[in-house]
Amino acid sequence: MKTLTTILMLCLPMTAMGETFVCKAEKYSRLSEQLERARAISSRELIVDTEKGMRILAEGTEYYGSCQRSSGNRGTNEVFVDLLVCADENYNDVTYSKLILNFKDRTFTETFQTTQAYRIGHIVESYWGRCTEI
């Protein structure tokens, strides 16, 4: 009986660990109160951990925000969805940051909204890309 208890105690922490993904942006858009030229994405990559939140890979920052898995049948056609929603309401002077990862096709969208950032008014930035589980 002691052996079984020991095995269970060693295995349980492994099953309780969250899933981790590397997400790379492929598309980018930005809306602001000033006219701006479109700009290319400068290889934005994120680490998304279901338990720790999100962090920008290149900056080596700490994790921010929190994530919650949402799954079940949605909409009038009762389509099954399986999503991870990560949000932070005050990350790095940004009023709101939200990331949604679709487990089915491993795509994500990330949106930042801020007001009075650098004195240029309201800004909304959005990224879309793909994720790989690590």
Protein backbone atom coordinates (compact mmCIF):
# COMPACT_ATOMS: atom_id res chain seq x y z
CA MET A 1 0.00 0.00 0.00
CA LYS A 2 2.89 2.38 0.75
CA THR A 3 4.31 1.77 -2.72
CA LEU A 4 1.00 2.64 -4.37
CA THR A 5 0.70 5.83 -2.29
CA THR A 6 4.26 6.85 -3.17
CA ILE A 7 3.66 6.29 -6.88
CA LEU A 8 0.46 8.33 -6.76
CA MET A 9 2.14 11.19 -4.91
CA LEU A 10 4.98 11.27 -7.45
CA CYS A 11 2.63 11.18 -10.45
CA LEU A 12 -0.01 13.67 -9.30
CA PRO A 13 2.17 16.79 -9.59
CA MET A 14 2.97 15.85 -13.19
CA THR A 15 -0.70 15.52 -14.12
CA ALA A 16 -1.52 18.83 -12.46
CA MET A 17 0.99 20.77 -14.57
CA GLY A 18 -0.38 23.19 -17.14
CA GLU A 19 0.06 23.06 -20.87
CA THR A 20 2.62 25.41 -22.43
CA PHE A 21 2.62 26.86 -25.95
CA VAL A 22 4.91 29.01 -28.09
CA CYS A 23 2.75 31.34 -30.18
CA LYS A 24 4.13 33.26 -33.16
CA ALA A 25 2.24 36.15 -34.74
CA GLU A 26 1.70 36.07 -38.49
CA LYS A 27 -0.68 39.03 -38.93
CA TYR A 28 -0.84 42.43 -37.23
CA SER A 29 -3.24 45.37 -37.27
CA ARG A 30 -3.38 48.68 -35.41
CA LEU A 31 -6.09 51.29 -35.00
CA SER A 32 -5.40 54.69 -33.48
CA GLU A 33 -6.61 58.26 -33.57
CA GLN A 34 -3.64 59.26 -35.72
CA LEU A 35 -3.03 58.21 -39.30
CA GLU A 36 -0.26 55.65 -39.41
CA ARG A 37 1.40 53.49 -41.98
CA ALA A 38 1.01 49.76 -41.69
CA ARG A 39 4.07 48.12 -40.25
CA ALA A 40 5.49 44.65 -40.49
CA ILE A 41 5.55 42.28 -37.57
CA SER A 42 8.95 42.09 -35.94
CA SER A 43 8.76 38.35 -35.09
CA ARG A 44 6.49 38.60 -32.04
CA GLU A 45 6.54 35.35 -30.08
CA LEU A 46 4.76 34.59 -26.84
CA ILE A 47 4.90 31.84 -24.28
CA VAL A 48 1.42 30.90 -23.08
CA ASP A 49 1.12 28.71 -20.00
CA THR A 50 -2.35 27.57 -18.91
CA GLU A 51 -1.41 28.08 -15.25
CA LYS A 52 1.13 30.95 -15.28
CA GLY A 53 -0.32 33.27 -17.94
CA MET A 54 1.55 34.86 -20.87
CA ARG A 55 4.96 36.37 -21.48
CA ILE A 56 6.81 37.83 -24.45
CA LEU A 57 9.60 35.46 -25.46
CA ALA A 58 12.10 38.01 -26.84
CA GLU A 59 11.92 40.28 -23.80
CA GLY A 60 12.33 37.45 -21.30
CA THR A 61 9.68 39.10 -19.13
CA GLU A 62 7.83 37.60 -16.21
CA TYR A 63 4.46 35.96 -16.79
CA TYR A 64 1.48 38.32 -16.65
CA GLY A 65 -2.26 37.83 -16.62
CA SER A 66 -4.21 34.69 -15.88
CA CYS A 67 -5.70 32.02 -18.14
CA GLN A 68 -8.92 30.05 -18.03
CA ARG A 69 -10.00 27.19 -20.27
CA SER A 70 -13.48 27.42 -21.75
CA SER A 71 -15.01 24.51 -23.62
CA GLY A 72 -18.43 23.22 -24.56
CA ASN A 73 -21.13 23.60 -27.16
CA ARG A 74 -21.75 27.18 -28.27
CA GLY A 75 -24.05 29.02 -30.65
CA THR A 76 -27.24 28.10 -32.42
CA ASN A 77 -25.64 25.09 -34.12
CA GLU A 78 -24.16 23.84 -30.84
CA VAL A 79 -20.61 23.81 -32.20
CA PHE A 80 -18.06 22.44 -29.74
CA VAL A 81 -15.32 24.93 -28.90
CA ASP A 82 -12.24 24.52 -26.76
CA LEU A 83 -10.52 27.82 -25.97
CA LEU A 84 -7.95 29.22 -23.58
CA VAL A 85 -8.68 32.83 -22.61
CA CYS A 86 -5.84 34.79 -20.99
CA ALA A 87 -6.34 38.37 -19.81
CA ASP A 88 -4.55 41.11 -17.91
CA GLU A 89 -6.14 44.45 -17.10
CA ASN A 90 -2.98 46.48 -16.54
CA TYR A 91 0.06 45.04 -18.30
CA ASN A 92 2.96 47.40 -19.00
CA ASP A 93 0.88 50.61 -19.18
CA VAL A 94 -1.66 48.89 -21.41
CA THR A 95 -5.21 49.26 -20.18
CA TYR A 96 -6.27 45.80 -21.29
CA SER A 97 -4.61 42.77 -22.88
CA LYS A 98 -6.43 39.60 -23.97
CA LEU A 99 -5.28 36.44 -25.73
CA ILE A 100 -7.56 33.66 -27.01
CA LEU A 101 -6.02 30.34 -28.06
CA ASN A 102 -8.14 27.89 -30.04
CA PHE A 103 -7.07 24.35 -29.05
CA LYS A 104 -8.65 22.78 -32.16
CA ASP A 105 -6.55 24.53 -34.80
CA ARG A 106 -3.81 25.99 -32.52
CA THR A 107 -4.43 29.57 -33.65
CA PHE A 108 -4.50 32.61 -31.39
CA THR A 109 -5.59 36.22 -31.36
CA GLU A 110 -4.11 38.78 -29.00
CA THR A 111 -5.55 42.26 -28.54
CA PHE A 112 -4.25 45.28 -26.62
CA GLN A 113 -6.36 48.32 -25.86
CA THR A 114 -5.02 51.46 -24.27
CA THR A 115 -5.98 55.07 -23.79
CA GLN A 116 -3.69 58.09 -23.75
CA ALA A 117 -0.66 55.93 -24.52
CA TYR A 118 2.27 58.20 -25.17
CA ARG A 119 -0.24 61.07 -25.55
CA ILE A 120 -1.58 59.87 -28.88
CA GLY A 121 -5.03 58.77 -27.75
CA HIS A 122 -6.81 55.46 -27.89
CA ILE A 123 -4.97 52.56 -29.55
CA VAL A 124 -6.07 49.03 -30.37
CA GLU A 125 -3.46 46.53 -31.55
CA SER A 126 -4.27 43.00 -32.63
CA TYR A 127 -2.12 39.99 -33.53
CA TRP A 128 -3.09 36.66 -35.11
CA GLY A 129 -0.90 33.60 -35.41
CA ARG A 130 -0.25 29.95 -34.67
CA CYS A 131 0.83 28.10 -31.54
CA THR A 132 2.87 24.97 -30.94
CA GLU A 133 2.67 22.99 -27.72
CA ILE A 134 6.01 22.50 -26.02
